[in-house]
Amino acid sequence: MYASCHIGTGLRRYHCAYRKDRSNKVETTASSFETSCRELLDSGAKKVVVDLGGVEYISSAGLRVILTMVKASKAAAATLAFCSMQSMVAEVFKISGFSSMLPIYATRDEAVSALS
């Protein structure tokens, strides 16, 4: 998963920490995602694009972190946008109601353009 921070005309990319599970599959933990997003917001980022293209599954813990980060971004007067969701993640966002309350874009370029 990438958390990309768009500030002015520049785009800085942050890679969230990850681990490999027992089948050697890369797994990003909710806590590492939260840490990466908090670091972006604490550094003064006002426009953050979260690229979910590499995420095949999102747990309730991941949804909780996203909700926490939405609240933190509002407190920091920052804007979050999400992009590049795979079908299973998009379905979870739809069922949970997140897709109706969060800005979601098909591609990273669309998300960055929308925040510019």
PDB file of N, CA and C in Angstrom:
ATOM      1  N   MET A   1       0.851  -1.174   0.000  1.00  0.00           N
ATOM      2  CA  MET A   1       0.000   0.000   0.000  1.00  0.00           C
ATOM      3  C   MET A   1       0.891   1.230   0.000  1.00  0.00           C
ATOM      4  N   TYR A   2       0.484   2.234  -0.683  1.00  0.00           N
ATOM      5  CA  TYR A   2       1.207   3.491  -0.694  1.00  0.00           C
ATOM      6  C   TYR A   2       0.330   4.569  -0.088  1.00  0.00           C
ATOM      7  N   ALA A   3       0.931   5.403   0.711  1.00  0.00           N
ATOM      8  CA  ALA A   3       0.254   6.626   1.136  1.00  0.00           C
ATOM      9  C   ALA A   3       1.030   7.742   0.473  1.00  0.00           C
ATOM     10  N   SER A   4       0.395   8.422  -0.446  1.00  0.00           N
ATOM     11  CA  SER A   4       1.077   9.470  -1.188  1.00  0.00           C
ATOM     12  C   SER A   4       0.608  10.822  -0.691  1.00  0.00           C
ATOM     13  N   CYS A   5       1.539  11.710  -0.500  1.00  0.00           N
ATOM     14  CA  CYS A   5       1.211  13.024   0.027  1.00  0.00           C
ATOM     15  C   CYS A   5       1.418  14.051  -1.073  1.00  0.00           C
ATOM     16  N   HIS A   6       0.385  14.762  -1.399  1.00  0.00           N
ATOM     17  CA  HIS A   6       0.463  15.782  -2.433  1.00  0.00           C
ATOM     18  C   HIS A   6       0.477  17.149  -1.765  1.00  0.00           C
ATOM     19  N   ILE A   7       1.592  17.839  -1.896  1.00  0.00           N
ATOM     20  CA  ILE A   7       1.721  19.173  -1.316  1.00  0.00           C
ATOM     21  C   ILE A   7       2.117  20.128  -2.437  1.00  0.00           C
ATOM     22  N   GLY A   8       1.245  21.060  -2.729  1.00  0.00           N
ATOM     23  CA  GLY A   8       1.534  21.999  -3.814  1.00  0.00           C
ATOM     24  C   GLY A   8       1.663  21.248  -5.122  1.00  0.00           C
ATOM     25  N   THR A   9       2.782  21.414  -5.803  1.00  0.00           N
ATOM     26  CA  THR A   9       2.977  20.751  -7.081  1.00  0.00           C
ATOM     27  C   THR A   9       3.786  19.475  -6.939  1.00  0.00           C
ATOM     28  N   GLY A  10       4.215  19.141  -5.713  1.00  0.00           N
ATOM     29  CA  GLY A  10       5.046  17.958  -5.525  1.00  0.00           C
ATOM     30  C   GLY A  10       4.256  16.792  -4.978  1.00  0.00           C
ATOM     31  N   LEU A  11       4.731  15.605  -5.246  1.00  0.00           N
ATOM     32  CA  LEU A  11       4.116  14.397  -4.721  1.00  0.00           C
ATOM     33  C   LEU A  11       5.197  13.577  -4.040  1.00  0.00           C
ATOM     34  N   ARG A  12       5.032  13.370  -2.738  1.00  0.00           N
ATOM     35  CA  ARG A  12       5.978  12.529  -2.010  1.00  0.00           C
ATOM     36  C   ARG A  12       5.302  11.203  -1.744  1.00  0.00           C
ATOM     37  N   ARG A  13       5.996  10.112  -1.931  1.00  0.00           N
ATOM     38  CA  ARG A  13       5.411   8.798  -1.728  1.00  0.00           C
ATOM     39  C   ARG A  13       5.996   8.179  -0.464  1.00  0.00           C
ATOM     40  N   TYR A  14       5.113   7.659   0.357  1.00  0.00           N
ATOM     41  CA  TYR A  14       5.494   6.962   1.574  1.00  0.00           C
ATOM     42  C   TYR A  14       5.017   5.523   1.458  1.00  0.00           C
ATOM     43  N   HIS A  15       5.887   4.609   1.757  1.00  0.00           N
ATOM     44  CA  HIS A  15       5.492   3.209   1.746  1.00  0.00           C
ATOM     45  C   HIS A  15       5.131   2.803   3.168  1.00  0.00           C
ATOM     46  N   CYS A  16       3.966   2.217   3.319  1.00  0.00           N
ATOM     47  CA  CYS A  16       3.582   1.712   4.635  1.00  0.00           C
ATOM     48  C   CYS A  16       4.405   0.460   4.941  1.00  0.00           C
ATOM     49  N   ALA A  17       4.655   0.247   6.205  1.00  0.00           N
ATOM     50  CA  ALA A  17       5.368  -0.961   6.614  1.00  0.00           C
ATOM     51  C   ALA A  17       4.520  -2.177   6.275  1.00  0.00           C
ATOM     52  N   TYR A  18       5.176  -3.269   6.007  1.00  0.00           N
ATOM     53  CA  TYR A  18       4.455  -4.492   5.692  1.00  0.00           C
ATOM     54  C   TYR A  18       5.200  -5.691   6.233  1.00  0.00           C
ATOM     55  N   ARG A  19       4.539  -6.824   6.202  1.00  0.00           N
ATOM     56  CA  ARG A  19       5.182  -8.074   6.588  1.00  0.00           C
ATOM     57  C   ARG A  19       4.674  -9.162   5.667  1.00  0.00           C
ATOM     58  N   LYS A  20       5.374 -10.269   5.637  1.00  0.00           N
ATOM     59  CA  LYS A  20       4.927 -11.408   4.841  1.00  0.00           C
ATOM     60  C   LYS A  20       4.257 -12.406   5.774  1.00  0.00           C
ATOM     61  N   ASP A  21       3.108 -12.924   5.318  1.00  0.00           N
ATOM     62  CA  ASP A  21       2.418 -13.906   6.141  1.00  0.00           C
ATOM     63  C   ASP A  21       3.021 -15.289   5.908  1.00  0.00           C
ATOM     64  N   ARG A  22       2.404 -16.317   6.447  1.00  0.00           N
ATOM     65  CA  ARG A  22       2.958 -17.682   6.372  1.00  0.00           C
ATOM     66  C   ARG A  22       3.102 -18.193   4.949  1.00  0.00           C
ATOM     67  N   SER A  23       2.277 -17.702   4.042  1.00  0.00           N
ATOM     68  CA  SER A  23       2.380 -18.142   2.649  1.00  0.00           C
ATOM     69  C   SER A  23       3.287 -17.215   1.840  1.00  0.00           C
ATOM     70  N   ASN A  24       4.054 -16.379   2.541  1.00  0.00           N
ATOM     71  CA  ASN A  24       5.010 -15.452   1.928  1.00  0.00           C
ATOM     72  C   ASN A  24       4.326 -14.326   1.168  1.00  0.00           C
ATOM     73  N   LYS A  25       3.069 -14.066   1.496  1.00  0.00           N
ATOM     74  CA  LYS A  25       2.315 -12.978   0.883  1.00  0.00           C
ATOM     75  C   LYS A  25       2.542 -11.704   1.688  1.00  0.00           C
ATOM     76  N   VAL A  26       2.720 -10.593   1.006  1.00  0.00           N
ATOM     77  CA  VAL A  26       2.946  -9.316   1.691  1.00  0.00           C
ATOM     78  C   VAL A  26       1.649  -8.880   2.365  1.00  0.00           C
ATOM     79  N   GLU A  27       1.755  -8.440   3.604  1.00  0.00           N
ATOM     80  CA  GLU A  27       0.593  -8.022   4.379  1.00  0.00           C
ATOM     81  C   GLU A  27       0.907  -6.691   5.056  1.00  0.00           C
ATOM     82  N   THR A  28       0.095  -5.696   4.806  1.00  0.00           N
ATOM     83  CA  THR A  28       0.251  -4.412   5.478  1.00  0.00           C
ATOM     84  C   THR A  28      -0.652  -4.412   6.696  1.00  0.00           C
ATOM     85  N   THR A  29      -0.113  -4.076   7.826  1.00  0.00           N
ATOM     86  CA  THR A  29      -0.920  -4.088   9.039  1.00  0.00           C
ATOM     87  C   THR A  29      -1.627  -2.763   9.226  1.00  0.00           C
ATOM     88  N   ALA A  30      -2.750  -2.822   9.906  1.00  0.00           N
ATOM     89  CA  ALA A  30      -3.520  -1.611  10.179  1.00  0.00           C
ATOM     90  C   ALA A  30      -2.686  -0.623  10.980  1.00  0.00           C
ATOM     91  N   SER A  31      -1.919  -1.130  11.939  1.00  0.00           N
ATOM     92  CA  SER A  31      -1.130  -0.217  12.775  1.00  0.00           C
ATOM     93  C   SER A  31      -0.032   0.479  11.991  1.00  0.00           C
ATOM     94  N   SER A  32       0.596  -0.217  11.044  1.00  0.00           N
ATOM     95  CA  SER A  32       1.642   0.440  10.249  1.00  0.00           C
ATOM     96  C   SER A  32       1.039   1.478   9.316  1.00  0.00           C
ATOM     97  N   PHE A  33      -0.161   1.198   8.798  1.00  0.00           N
ATOM     98  CA  PHE A  33      -0.851   2.176   7.960  1.00  0.00           C
ATOM     99  C   PHE A  33      -1.200   3.415   8.773  1.00  0.00           C
ATOM    100  N   GLU A  34      -1.707   3.200   9.975  1.00  0.00           N
ATOM    101  CA  GLU A  34      -2.057   4.321  10.842  1.00  0.00           C
ATOM    102  C   GLU A  34      -0.832   5.165  11.167  1.00  0.00           C
ATOM    103  N   THR A  35       0.278   4.502  11.467  1.00  0.00           N
ATOM    104  CA  THR A  35       1.519   5.218  11.779  1.00  0.00           C
ATOM    105  C   THR A  35       1.964   6.058  10.589  1.00  0.00           C
ATOM    106  N   SER A  36       1.924   5.483   9.394  1.00  0.00           N
ATOM    107  CA  SER A  36       2.344   6.220   8.192  1.00  0.00           C
ATOM    108  C   SER A  36       1.458   7.438   7.948  1.00  0.00           C
ATOM    109  N   CYS A  37       0.150   7.259   8.091  1.00  0.00           N
ATOM    110  CA  CYS A  37      -0.765   8.386   7.880  1.00  0.00           C
ATOM    111  C   CYS A  37      -0.578   9.463   8.936  1.00  0.00           C
ATOM    112  N   ARG A  38      -0.406   9.052  10.170  1.00  0.00           N
ATOM    113  CA  ARG A  38      -0.197  10.043  11.241  1.00  0.00           C
ATOM    114  C   ARG A  38       1.089  10.832  11.003  1.00  0.00           C
ATOM    115  N   GLU A  39       2.143  10.142  10.544  1.00  0.00           N
ATOM    116  CA  GLU A  39       3.400  10.835  10.242  1.00  0.00           C
ATOM    117  C   GLU A  39       3.185  11.875   9.148  1.00  0.00           C
ATOM    118  N   LEU A  40       2.398  11.523   8.131  1.00  0.00           N
ATOM    119  CA  LEU A  40       2.108  12.490   7.066  1.00  0.00           C
ATOM    120  C   LEU A  40       1.374  13.706   7.615  1.00  0.00           C
ATOM    121  N   LEU A  41       0.337  13.464   8.402  1.00  0.00           N
ATOM    122  CA  LEU A  41      -0.441  14.568   8.951  1.00  0.00           C
ATOM    123  C   LEU A  41       0.383  15.392   9.932  1.00  0.00           C
ATOM    124  N   ASP A  42       1.184  14.726  10.762  1.00  0.00           N
ATOM    125  CA  ASP A  42       2.030  15.442  11.727  1.00  0.00           C
ATOM    126  C   ASP A  42       3.106  16.279  11.042  1.00  0.00           C
ATOM    127  N   SER A  43       3.502  15.866   9.825  1.00  0.00           N
ATOM    128  CA  SER A  43       4.525  16.628   9.098  1.00  0.00           C
ATOM    129  C   SER A  43       3.928  17.832   8.378  1.00  0.00           C
ATOM    130  N   GLY A  44       2.609  17.993   8.484  1.00  0.00           N
ATOM    131  CA  GLY A  44       1.972  19.155   7.880  1.00  0.00           C
ATOM    132  C   GLY A  44       1.298  18.900   6.554  1.00  0.00           C
ATOM    133  N   ALA A  45       1.227  17.640   6.137  1.00  0.00           N
ATOM    134  CA  ALA A  45       0.570  17.322   4.866  1.00  0.00           C
ATOM    135  C   ALA A  45      -0.886  17.752   4.928  1.00  0.00           C
ATOM    136  N   LYS A  46      -1.340  18.404   3.880  1.00  0.00           N
ATOM    137  CA  LYS A  46      -2.725  18.860   3.832  1.00  0.00           C
ATOM    138  C   LYS A  46      -3.543  18.108   2.794  1.00  0.00           C
ATOM    139  N   LYS A  47      -2.876  17.370   1.923  1.00  0.00           N
ATOM    140  CA  LYS A  47      -3.563  16.611   0.886  1.00  0.00           C
ATOM    141  C   LYS A  47      -2.897  15.237   0.795  1.00  0.00           C
ATOM    142  N   VAL A  48      -3.633  14.207   1.159  1.00  0.00           N
ATOM    143  CA  VAL A  48      -3.072  12.861   1.208  1.00  0.00           C
ATOM    144  C   VAL A  48      -3.898  11.932   0.332  1.00  0.00           C
ATOM    145  N   VAL A  49      -3.231  11.245  -0.578  1.00  0.00           N
ATOM    146  CA  VAL A  49      -3.866  10.257  -1.436  1.00  0.00           C
ATOM    147  C   VAL A  49      -3.405   8.875  -0.977  1.00  0.00           C
ATOM    148  N   VAL A  50      -4.365   8.026  -0.657  1.00  0.00           N
ATOM    149  CA  VAL A  50      -4.042   6.666  -0.229  1.00  0.00           C
ATOM    150  C   VAL A  50      -4.361   5.729  -1.388  1.00  0.00           C
ATOM    151  N   ASP A  51      -3.310   5.154  -1.956  1.00  0.00           N
ATOM    152  CA  ASP A  51      -3.437   4.248  -3.094  1.00  0.00           C
ATOM    153  C   ASP A  51      -3.632   2.833  -2.553  1.00  0.00           C
ATOM    154  N   LEU A  52      -4.800   2.280  -2.756  1.00  0.00           N
ATOM    155  CA  LEU A  52      -5.128   0.953  -2.250  1.00  0.00           C
ATOM    156  C   LEU A  52      -4.997  -0.127  -3.317  1.00  0.00           C
ATOM    157  N   GLY A  53      -4.297   0.176  -4.390  1.00  0.00           N
ATOM    158  CA  GLY A  53      -4.164  -0.759  -5.497  1.00  0.00           C
ATOM    159  C   GLY A  53      -3.543  -2.096  -5.125  1.00  0.00           C
ATOM    160  N   GLY A  54      -2.657  -2.102  -4.150  1.00  0.00           N
ATOM    161  CA  GLY A  54      -2.012  -3.346  -3.746  1.00  0.00           C
ATOM    162  C   GLY A  54      -2.721  -4.066  -2.627  1.00  0.00           C
ATOM    163  N   VAL A  55      -3.878  -3.564  -2.221  1.00  0.00           N
ATOM    164  CA  VAL A  55      -4.604  -4.154  -1.095  1.00  0.00           C
ATOM    165  C   VAL A  55      -5.689  -5.084  -1.636  1.00  0.00           C
ATOM    166  N   GLU A  56      -5.578  -6.363  -1.312  1.00  0.00           N
ATOM    167  CA  GLU A  56      -6.555  -7.349  -1.771  1.00  0.00           C
ATOM    168  C   GLU A  56      -7.687  -7.542  -0.774  1.00  0.00           C
ATOM    169  N   TYR A  57      -7.435  -7.233   0.488  1.00  0.00           N
ATOM    170  CA  TYR A  57      -8.413  -7.460   1.549  1.00  0.00           C
ATOM    171  C   TYR A  57      -8.224  -6.394   2.610  1.00  0.00           C
ATOM    172  N   ILE A  58      -9.323  -5.915   3.170  1.00  0.00           N
ATOM    173  CA  ILE A  58      -9.230  -4.961   4.270  1.00  0.00           C
ATOM    174  C   ILE A  58     -10.101  -5.472   5.416  1.00  0.00           C
ATOM    175  N   SER A  59      -9.524  -5.522   6.584  1.00  0.00           N
ATOM    176  CA  SER A  59     -10.224  -6.038   7.764  1.00  0.00           C
ATOM    177  C   SER A  59     -10.972  -4.916   8.472  1.00  0.00           C
ATOM    178  N   SER A  60     -11.721  -5.288   9.494  1.00  0.00           N
ATOM    179  CA  SER A  60     -12.407  -4.278  10.297  1.00  0.00           C
ATOM    180  C   SER A  60     -11.399  -3.371  10.985  1.00  0.00           C
ATOM    181  N   ALA A  61     -10.228  -3.910  11.319  1.00  0.00           N
ATOM    182  CA  ALA A  61      -9.175  -3.075  11.915  1.00  0.00           C
ATOM    183  C   ALA A  61      -8.700  -2.027  10.910  1.00  0.00           C
ATOM    184  N   GLY A  62      -8.588  -2.404   9.651  1.00  0.00           N
ATOM    185  CA  GLY A  62      -8.210  -1.449   8.611  1.00  0.00           C
ATOM    186  C   GLY A  62      -9.256  -0.374   8.427  1.00  0.00           C
ATOM    187  N   LEU A  63     -10.530  -0.757   8.466  1.00  0.00           N
ATOM    188  CA  LEU A  63     -11.609   0.224   8.355  1.00  0.00           C
ATOM    189  C   LEU A  63     -11.601   1.180   9.541  1.00  0.00           C
ATOM    190  N   ARG A  64     -11.323   0.646  10.724  1.00  0.00           N
ATOM    191  CA  ARG A  64     -11.256   1.495  11.924  1.00  0.00           C
ATOM    192  C   ARG A  64     -10.158   2.534  11.768  1.00  0.00           C
ATOM    193  N   VAL A  65      -9.002   2.113  11.257  1.00  0.00           N
ATOM    194  CA  VAL A  65      -7.883   3.048  11.067  1.00  0.00           C
ATOM    195  C   VAL A  65      -8.258   4.105  10.039  1.00  0.00           C
ATOM    196  N   ILE A  66      -8.924   3.718   8.970  1.00  0.00           N
ATOM    197  CA  ILE A  66      -9.331   4.703   7.970  1.00  0.00           C
ATOM    198  C   ILE A  66     -10.278   5.723   8.591  1.00  0.00           C
ATOM    199  N   LEU A  67     -11.222   5.263   9.370  1.00  0.00           N
ATOM    200  CA  LEU A  67     -12.141   6.187  10.037  1.00  0.00           C
ATOM    201  C   LEU A  67     -11.388   7.104  11.006  1.00  0.00           C
ATOM    202  N   THR A  68     -10.444   6.550  11.739  1.00  0.00           N
ATOM    203  CA  THR A  68      -9.617   7.347  12.656  1.00  0.00           C
ATOM    204  C   THR A  68      -8.836   8.401  11.886  1.00  0.00           C
ATOM    205  N   MET A  69      -8.286   8.025  10.720  1.00  0.00           N
ATOM    206  CA  MET A  69      -7.494   8.967   9.936  1.00  0.00           C
ATOM    207  C   MET A  69      -8.370  10.038   9.290  1.00  0.00           C
ATOM    208  N   VAL A  70      -9.595   9.692   8.931  1.00  0.00           N
ATOM    209  CA  VAL A  70     -10.509  10.708   8.399  1.00  0.00           C
ATOM    210  C   VAL A  70     -10.760  11.767   9.463  1.00  0.00           C
ATOM    211  N   LYS A  71     -11.010  11.319  10.685  1.00  0.00           N
ATOM    212  CA  LYS A  71     -11.228  12.265  11.784  1.00  0.00           C
ATOM    213  C   LYS A  71      -9.976  13.096  12.054  1.00  0.00           C
ATOM    214  N   ALA A  72      -8.795  12.446  12.040  1.00  0.00           N
ATOM    215  CA  ALA A  72      -7.542  13.165  12.286  1.00  0.00           C
ATOM    216  C   ALA A  72      -7.263  14.170  11.174  1.00  0.00           C
ATOM    217  N   SER A  73      -7.590  13.809   9.941  1.00  0.00           N
ATOM    218  CA  SER A  73      -7.349  14.740   8.825  1.00  0.00           C
ATOM    219  C   SER A  73      -8.249  15.963   8.939  1.00  0.00           C
ATOM    220  N   LYS A  74      -9.485  15.763   9.384  1.00  0.00           N
ATOM    221  CA  LYS A  74     -10.382  16.907   9.580  1.00  0.00           C
ATOM    222  C   LYS A  74      -9.848  17.825  10.668  1.00  0.00           C
ATOM    223  N   ALA A  75      -9.348  17.239  11.747  1.00  0.00           N
ATOM    224  CA  ALA A  75      -8.785  18.041  12.841  1.00  0.00           C
ATOM    225  C   ALA A  75      -7.551  18.812  12.385  1.00  0.00           C
ATOM    226  N   ALA A  76      -6.807  18.254  11.421  1.00  0.00           N
ATOM    227  CA  ALA A  76      -5.594  18.899  10.920  1.00  0.00           C
ATOM    228  C   ALA A  76      -5.867  19.764   9.691  1.00  0.00           C
ATOM    229  N   ALA A  77      -7.138  19.919   9.339  1.00  0.00           N
ATOM    230  CA  ALA A  77      -7.529  20.676   8.145  1.00  0.00           C
ATOM    231  C   ALA A  77      -6.866  20.109   6.892  1.00  0.00           C
ATOM    232  N   ALA A  78      -6.790  18.779   6.830  1.00  0.00           N
ATOM    233  CA  ALA A  78      -6.203  18.083   5.683  1.00  0.00           C
ATOM    234  C   ALA A  78      -7.305  17.323   4.954  1.00  0.00           C
ATOM    235  N   THR A  79      -7.004  16.929   3.726  1.00  0.00           N
ATOM    236  CA  THR A  79      -7.952  16.188   2.915  1.00  0.00           C
ATOM    237  C   THR A  79      -7.358  14.833   2.555  1.00  0.00           C
ATOM    238  N   LEU A  80      -8.140  13.778   2.745  1.00  0.00           N
ATOM    239  CA  LEU A  80      -7.749  12.434   2.343  1.00  0.00           C
ATOM    240  C   LEU A  80      -8.549  12.034   1.117  1.00  0.00           C
ATOM    241  N   ALA A  81      -7.912  11.311   0.211  1.00  0.00           N
ATOM    242  CA  ALA A  81      -8.604  10.725  -0.925  1.00  0.00           C
ATOM    243  C   ALA A  81      -8.053   9.310  -1.107  1.00  0.00           C
ATOM    244  N   PHE A  82      -8.884   8.429  -1.616  1.00  0.00           N
ATOM    245  CA  PHE A  82      -8.500   7.032  -1.803  1.00  0.00           C
ATOM    246  C   PHE A  82      -8.611   6.690  -3.273  1.00  0.00           C
ATOM    247  N   CYS A  83      -7.760   5.770  -3.735  1.00  0.00           N
ATOM    248  CA  CYS A  83      -7.791   5.427  -5.151  1.00  0.00           C
ATOM    249  C   CYS A  83      -7.343   3.991  -5.405  1.00  0.00           C
ATOM    250  N   SER A  84      -7.606   3.551  -6.622  1.00  0.00           N
ATOM    251  CA  SER A  84      -7.107   2.295  -7.177  1.00  0.00           C
ATOM    252  C   SER A  84      -7.559   1.058  -6.404  1.00  0.00           C
ATOM    253  N   MET A  85      -8.781   1.062  -5.909  1.00  0.00           N
ATOM    254  CA  MET A  85      -9.278  -0.064  -5.121  1.00  0.00           C
ATOM    255  C   MET A  85      -9.533  -1.291  -5.988  1.00  0.00           C
ATOM    256  N   GLN A  86      -9.100  -2.442  -5.478  1.00  0.00           N
ATOM    257  CA  GLN A  86      -9.466  -3.696  -6.105  1.00  0.00           C
ATOM    258  C   GLN A  86     -10.918  -3.998  -5.749  1.00  0.00           C
ATOM    259  N   SER A  87     -11.533  -4.890  -6.489  1.00  0.00           N
ATOM    260  CA  SER A  87     -12.980  -5.118  -6.360  1.00  0.00           C
ATOM    261  C   SER A  87     -13.408  -5.537  -4.952  1.00  0.00           C
ATOM    262  N   MET A  88     -12.653  -6.386  -4.273  1.00  0.00           N
ATOM    263  CA  MET A  88     -13.066  -6.824  -2.940  1.00  0.00           C
ATOM    264  C   MET A  88     -13.004  -5.671  -1.938  1.00  0.00           C
ATOM    265  N   VAL A  89     -11.978  -4.845  -2.024  1.00  0.00           N
ATOM    266  CA  VAL A  89     -11.854  -3.695  -1.128  1.00  0.00           C
ATOM    267  C   VAL A  89     -12.963  -2.692  -1.428  1.00  0.00           C
ATOM    268  N   ALA A  90     -13.245  -2.462  -2.706  1.00  0.00           N
ATOM    269  CA  ALA A  90     -14.326  -1.546  -3.084  1.00  0.00           C
ATOM    270  C   ALA A  90     -15.660  -2.048  -2.544  1.00  0.00           C
ATOM    271  N   GLU A  91     -15.878  -3.345  -2.573  1.00  0.00           N
ATOM    272  CA  GLU A  91     -17.124  -3.918  -2.056  1.00  0.00           C
ATOM    273  C   GLU A  91     -17.232  -3.710  -0.549  1.00  0.00           C
ATOM    274  N   VAL A  92     -16.134  -3.894   0.182  1.00  0.00           N
ATOM    275  CA  VAL A  92     -16.141  -3.668   1.631  1.00  0.00           C
ATOM    276  C   VAL A  92     -16.430  -2.198   1.930  1.00  0.00           C
ATOM    277  N   PHE A  93     -15.832  -1.301   1.164  1.00  0.00           N
ATOM    278  CA  PHE A  93     -16.096   0.134   1.351  1.00  0.00           C
ATOM    279  C   PHE A  93     -17.574   0.434   1.087  1.00  0.00           C
ATOM    280  N   LYS A  94     -18.153  -0.203   0.072  1.00  0.00           N
ATOM    281  CA  LYS A  94     -19.557   0.031  -0.264  1.00  0.00           C
ATOM    282  C   LYS A  94     -20.466  -0.499   0.838  1.00  0.00           C
ATOM    283  N   ILE A  95     -20.247  -1.727   1.282  1.00  0.00           N
ATOM    284  CA  ILE A  95     -21.085  -2.347   2.312  1.00  0.00           C
ATOM    285  C   ILE A  95     -21.003  -1.576   3.626  1.00  0.00           C
ATOM    286  N   SER A  96     -19.805  -1.101   3.955  1.00  0.00           N
ATOM    287  CA  SER A  96     -19.602  -0.379   5.219  1.00  0.00           C
ATOM    288  C   SER A  96     -20.097   1.066   5.167  1.00  0.00           C
ATOM    289  N   GLY A  97     -20.412   1.548   3.981  1.00  0.00           N
ATOM    290  CA  GLY A  97     -20.865   2.929   3.825  1.00  0.00           C
ATOM    291  C   GLY A  97     -19.738   3.921   3.629  1.00  0.00           C
ATOM    292  N   PHE A  98     -18.495   3.443   3.621  1.00  0.00           N
ATOM    293  CA  PHE A  98     -17.358   4.339   3.454  1.00  0.00           C
ATOM    294  C   PHE A  98     -17.350   4.989   2.071  1.00  0.00           C
ATOM    295  N   SER A  99     -17.816   4.259   1.055  1.00  0.00           N
ATOM    296  CA  SER A  99     -17.762   4.815  -0.303  1.00  0.00           C
ATOM    297  C   SER A  99     -18.689   6.012  -0.479  1.00  0.00           C
ATOM    298  N   SER A 100     -19.690   6.140   0.385  1.00  0.00           N
ATOM    299  CA  SER A 100     -20.584   7.285   0.271  1.00  0.00           C
ATOM    300  C   SER A 100     -20.088   8.492   1.060  1.00  0.00           C
ATOM    301  N   MET A 101     -19.104   8.298   1.944  1.00  0.00           N
ATOM    302  CA  MET A 101     -18.639   9.433   2.751  1.00  0.00           C
ATOM    303  C   MET A 101     -17.181   9.819   2.492  1.00  0.00           C
ATOM    304  N   LEU A 102     -16.494   9.048   1.656  1.00  0.00           N
ATOM    305  CA  LEU A 102     -15.090   9.339   1.376  1.00  0.00           C
ATOM    306  C   LEU A 102     -14.883   9.574  -0.109  1.00  0.00           C
ATOM    307  N   PRO A 103     -13.947  10.460  -0.457  1.00  0.00           N
ATOM    308  CA  PRO A 103     -13.633  10.661  -1.877  1.00  0.00           C
ATOM    309  C   PRO A 103     -12.796   9.483  -2.398  1.00  0.00           C
ATOM    310  N   ILE A 104     -13.333   8.792  -3.400  1.00  0.00           N
ATOM    311  CA  ILE A 104     -12.668   7.623  -3.971  1.00  0.00           C
ATOM    312  C   ILE A 104     -12.544   7.829  -5.473  1.00  0.00           C
ATOM    313  N   TYR A 105     -11.354   7.545  -5.999  1.00  0.00           N
ATOM    314  CA  TYR A 105     -11.075   7.754  -7.418  1.00  0.00           C
ATOM    315  C   TYR A 105     -10.527   6.467  -8.026  1.00  0.00           C
ATOM    316  N   ALA A 106     -10.735   6.312  -9.312  1.00  0.00           N
ATOM    317  CA  ALA A 106     -10.299   5.105 -10.008  1.00  0.00           C
ATOM    318  C   ALA A 106      -8.775   4.992 -10.067  1.00  0.00           C
ATOM    319  N   THR A 107      -8.093   6.122 -10.248  1.00  0.00           N
ATOM    320  CA  THR A 107      -6.632   6.091 -10.386  1.00  0.00           C
ATOM    321  C   THR A 107      -5.983   7.111  -9.455  1.00  0.00           C
ATOM    322  N   ARG A 108      -4.706   6.931  -9.224  1.00  0.00           N
ATOM    323  CA  ARG A 108      -3.941   7.879  -8.417  1.00  0.00           C
ATOM    324  C   ARG A 108      -3.919   9.241  -9.097  1.00  0.00           C
ATOM    325  N   ASP A 109      -3.734   9.272 -10.396  1.00  0.00           N
ATOM    326  CA  ASP A 109      -3.698  10.553 -11.117  1.00  0.00           C
ATOM    327  C   ASP A 109      -4.999  11.325 -10.934  1.00  0.00           C
ATOM    328  N   GLU A 110      -6.141  10.626 -10.986  1.00  0.00           N
ATOM    329  CA  GLU A 110      -7.429  11.294 -10.779  1.00  0.00           C
ATOM    330  C   GLU A 110      -7.529  11.856  -9.368  1.00  0.00           C
ATOM    331  N   ALA A 111      -7.061  11.087  -8.389  1.00  0.00           N
ATOM    332  CA  ALA A 111      -7.113  11.536  -6.988  1.00  0.00           C
ATOM    333  C   ALA A 111      -6.226  12.748  -6.772  1.00  0.00           C
ATOM    334  N   VAL A 112      -5.017  12.698  -7.294  1.00  0.00           N
ATOM    335  CA  VAL A 112      -4.092  13.826  -7.138  1.00  0.00           C
ATOM    336  C   VAL A 112      -4.648  15.057  -7.831  1.00  0.00           C
ATOM    337  N   SER A 113      -5.204  14.861  -9.024  1.00  0.00           N
ATOM    338  CA  SER A 113      -5.788  15.987  -9.758  1.00  0.00           C
ATOM    339  C   SER A 113      -6.961  16.597  -8.992  1.00  0.00           C
ATOM    340  N   ALA A 114      -7.769  15.759  -8.373  1.00  0.00           N
ATOM    341  CA  ALA A 114      -8.924  16.249  -7.633  1.00  0.00           C
ATOM    342  C   ALA A 114      -8.504  17.052  -6.397  1.00  0.00           C
ATOM    343  N   LEU A 115      -7.367  16.725  -5.815  1.00  0.00           N
ATOM    344  CA  LEU A 115      -6.895  17.428  -4.630  1.00  0.00           C
ATOM    345  C   LEU A 115      -6.064  18.659  -4.955  1.00  0.00           C
ATOM    346  N   SER A 116      -5.707  18.804  -6.219  1.00  0.00           N
ATOM    347  CA  SER A 116      -4.849  19.939  -6.614  1.00  0.00           C
ATOM    348  C   SER A 116      -5.617  21.228  -6.683  1.00  0.00           C
TER     349      SER A 116
END
